[in-house]
Amino acid sequence: MIRMRVLPAVLIGVSLMALTACGGDDTPATSAPAATATAAATTAAAEPAGAPTASDKKLCEDAEKAGKAMKTELINVMKESQGEMPTAEVKKILAGLGDELTKVAGTSDSAVGTAVKDFAAKSTEASSAADPVTASDNPAYEKSGKDLTAACKAAGVKVAF
């Protein structure tokens, strides 16, 4: 099990994500609506007939819900384990996040869909590592989260990954 060294890192991370989500400019860039419409049209054209089409905004909102659920689950596990982070639980949480984000992305090939799929893949990859906390604490995972945050910002939705 991972001892107390993880608790401050996780709590700092969750706190920073919450602060990031609360602050900043709430007005999207002027080109975001046009980019969203173009991306949605491209996604709709690429998907087979009859398949549900999710807009980039909806993708971001659903990804944010999955991220919040993961953070809540992580905090609950830490409370129950009195600050320790059992490896099996971290693996389960990261795998669940990866699965949920994969469902959210569906067949979307827009910039947001691609970013969601990449973050889902990195979460799943970290969940299969011997030490999932260390595996998720790396520059590639962090960059993937930043890319997802930026893609959603361009779509007019504020998220924090």
Protein backbone atom coordinates (compact mmCIF):
# COMPACT_ATOMS: atom_id res chain seq x y z
CA MET A 1 0.00 0.00 0.00
CA ILE A 2 1.06 3.55 -0.56
CA ARG A 3 1.31 5.51 2.66
CA MET A 4 0.78 9.17 3.53
CA ARG A 5 3.07 10.57 0.82
CA VAL A 6 0.21 10.20 -1.65
CA LEU A 7 -2.39 11.97 0.48
CA PRO A 8 -0.87 15.46 0.23
CA ALA A 9 -0.21 15.04 -3.49
CA VAL A 10 -3.76 13.93 -4.22
CA LEU A 11 -5.35 16.57 -2.02
CA ILE A 12 -3.19 19.30 -3.55
CA GLY A 13 -4.09 18.04 -7.02
CA VAL A 14 -7.81 17.92 -6.29
CA SER A 15 -7.65 21.37 -4.67
CA LEU A 16 -5.82 22.85 -7.65
CA MET A 17 -8.30 21.30 -10.07
CA ALA A 18 -11.18 22.75 -8.06
CA LEU A 19 -9.56 26.18 -8.02
CA THR A 20 -8.85 25.98 -11.73
CA ALA A 21 -12.47 25.12 -12.39
CA CYS A 22 -13.65 28.09 -10.31
CA GLY A 23 -11.43 30.85 -11.67
CA GLY A 24 -10.71 32.39 -14.99
CA ASP A 25 -12.57 33.99 -17.84
CA ASP A 26 -15.98 32.45 -18.49
CA THR A 27 -16.36 33.85 -21.99
CA PRO A 28 -15.30 31.49 -24.76
CA ALA A 29 -13.08 32.63 -27.60
CA THR A 30 -15.00 34.27 -30.43
CA SER A 31 -14.10 31.48 -32.85
CA ALA A 32 -15.22 28.67 -30.48
CA PRO A 33 -18.86 28.52 -31.69
CA ALA A 34 -17.75 28.28 -35.31
CA ALA A 35 -15.15 25.65 -34.42
CA THR A 36 -17.72 23.69 -32.43
CA ALA A 37 -20.23 23.79 -35.28
CA THR A 38 -17.57 22.70 -37.78
CA ALA A 39 -16.36 19.90 -35.50
CA ALA A 40 -19.93 18.72 -34.87
CA ALA A 41 -20.66 18.71 -38.59
CA THR A 42 -17.46 16.76 -39.27
CA THR A 43 -18.30 14.27 -36.52
CA ALA A 44 -21.84 13.85 -37.81
CA ALA A 45 -20.59 13.21 -41.34
CA ALA A 46 -18.02 10.67 -40.15
CA GLU A 47 -20.44 8.65 -38.04
CA PRO A 48 -22.66 6.02 -39.62
CA ALA A 49 -26.31 6.79 -40.20
CA GLY A 50 -28.48 6.13 -37.18
CA ALA A 51 -25.60 6.47 -34.70
CA PRO A 52 -26.14 9.06 -32.00
CA THR A 53 -24.13 12.22 -32.59
CA ALA A 54 -22.65 13.87 -29.52
CA SER A 55 -21.54 17.45 -29.78
CA ASP A 56 -18.16 18.47 -28.44
CA LYS A 57 -19.91 20.37 -25.67
CA LYS A 58 -21.75 17.22 -24.58
CA LEU A 59 -18.52 15.19 -24.77
CA CYS A 60 -16.81 17.68 -22.47
CA GLU A 61 -19.70 17.78 -20.04
CA ASP A 62 -19.84 13.98 -19.85
CA ALA A 63 -16.06 13.74 -19.47
CA GLU A 64 -16.21 16.29 -16.63
CA LYS A 65 -18.92 14.21 -14.90
CA ALA A 66 -16.71 11.11 -15.17
CA GLY A 67 -13.74 13.06 -13.79
CA LYS A 68 -15.75 14.37 -10.85
CA ALA A 69 -17.07 10.88 -10.07
CA MET A 70 -13.50 9.55 -10.09
CA LYS A 71 -12.32 12.31 -7.73
CA THR A 72 -15.21 11.64 -5.35
CA GLU A 73 -14.45 7.92 -5.37
CA LEU A 74 -10.76 8.62 -4.75
CA ILE A 75 -11.52 10.88 -1.79
CA ASN A 76 -13.91 8.28 -0.32
CA VAL A 77 -11.28 5.54 -0.60
CA MET A 78 -8.72 7.75 1.10
CA LYS A 79 -11.17 8.49 3.93
CA GLU A 80 -11.97 4.81 4.40
CA SER A 81 -8.31 3.78 4.35
CA GLN A 82 -7.32 6.60 6.72
CA GLY A 83 -4.99 8.31 4.26
CA GLU A 84 -3.51 5.19 2.72
CA MET A 85 -4.08 4.50 -0.94
CA PRO A 86 -4.50 0.77 -1.58
CA THR A 87 -3.00 -0.12 -4.96
CA ALA A 88 -5.96 -2.30 -5.91
CA GLU A 89 -8.37 0.59 -5.30
CA VAL A 90 -6.30 3.03 -7.37
CA LYS A 91 -6.19 0.51 -10.21
CA LYS A 92 -9.96 0.08 -10.02
CA ILE A 93 -10.58 3.85 -9.99
CA LEU A 94 -8.27 4.55 -12.94
CA ALA A 95 -9.67 1.61 -14.93
CA GLY A 96 -13.20 2.85 -14.24
CA LEU A 97 -12.26 6.34 -15.42
CA GLY A 98 -10.70 4.91 -18.58
CA ASP A 99 -13.79 2.81 -19.31
CA GLU A 100 -16.20 5.67 -18.67
CA LEU A 101 -14.24 8.11 -20.85
CA THR A 102 -14.04 5.53 -23.64
CA LYS A 103 -17.85 5.27 -23.54
CA VAL A 104 -18.15 9.07 -23.49
CA ALA A 105 -15.92 9.48 -26.56
CA GLY A 106 -17.76 6.80 -28.52
CA THR A 107 -16.92 7.08 -32.20
CA SER A 108 -16.18 10.80 -32.16
CA ASP A 109 -13.14 11.80 -34.18
CA SER A 110 -13.30 15.51 -33.38
CA ALA A 111 -10.49 17.20 -31.46
CA VAL A 112 -12.44 16.74 -28.22
CA GLY A 113 -13.24 13.11 -28.97
CA THR A 114 -9.59 12.41 -29.74
CA ALA A 115 -8.47 14.13 -26.52
CA VAL A 116 -11.01 12.17 -24.45
CA LYS A 117 -9.88 8.89 -26.03
CA ASP A 118 -6.22 9.71 -25.37
CA PHE A 119 -6.87 10.53 -21.70
CA ALA A 120 -8.97 7.37 -21.37
CA ALA A 121 -6.15 5.29 -22.85
CA LYS A 122 -3.59 6.86 -20.50
CA SER A 123 -5.89 6.19 -17.51
CA THR A 124 -6.35 2.56 -18.54
CA GLU A 125 -2.60 2.20 -19.10
CA ALA A 126 -1.86 3.62 -15.63
CA SER A 127 -4.42 1.28 -14.08
CA SER A 128 -2.55 -1.75 -15.38
CA ALA A 129 0.83 -0.65 -13.98
CA ALA A 130 2.31 -2.26 -10.87
CA ASP A 131 2.25 1.17 -9.18
CA PRO A 132 -0.69 3.07 -10.67
CA VAL A 133 -0.04 6.26 -8.68
CA THR A 134 3.47 6.58 -10.08
CA ALA A 135 2.24 5.59 -13.54
CA SER A 136 -0.35 8.38 -13.50
CA ASP A 137 2.16 10.91 -12.18
CA ASN A 138 4.11 11.44 -15.38
CA PRO A 139 4.43 14.15 -18.04
CA ALA A 140 2.53 12.22 -20.73
CA TYR A 141 -0.51 11.73 -18.50
CA GLU A 142 -0.39 15.36 -17.41
CA LYS A 143 -0.08 16.55 -21.03
CA SER A 144 -3.05 14.40 -22.04
CA GLY A 145 -5.14 16.02 -19.30
CA LYS A 146 -4.05 19.50 -20.40
CA ASP A 147 -4.87 18.64 -24.04
CA LEU A 148 -8.36 17.53 -23.01
CA THR A 149 -8.86 20.69 -20.95
CA ALA A 150 -7.71 22.84 -23.91
CA ALA A 151 -9.92 20.99 -26.42
CA CYS A 152 -12.96 21.49 -24.20
CA LYS A 153 -12.08 25.14 -23.67
CA ALA A 154 -12.01 25.59 -27.45
CA ALA A 155 -15.46 23.97 -27.55
CA GLY A 156 -16.70 26.50 -25.00
CA VAL A 157 -16.76 24.21 -21.97
CA LYS A 158 -14.59 24.73 -18.92
CA VAL A 159 -13.21 21.47 -17.47
CA ALA A 160 -10.18 20.57 -15.39
CA PHE A 161 -8.20 17.40 -16.06
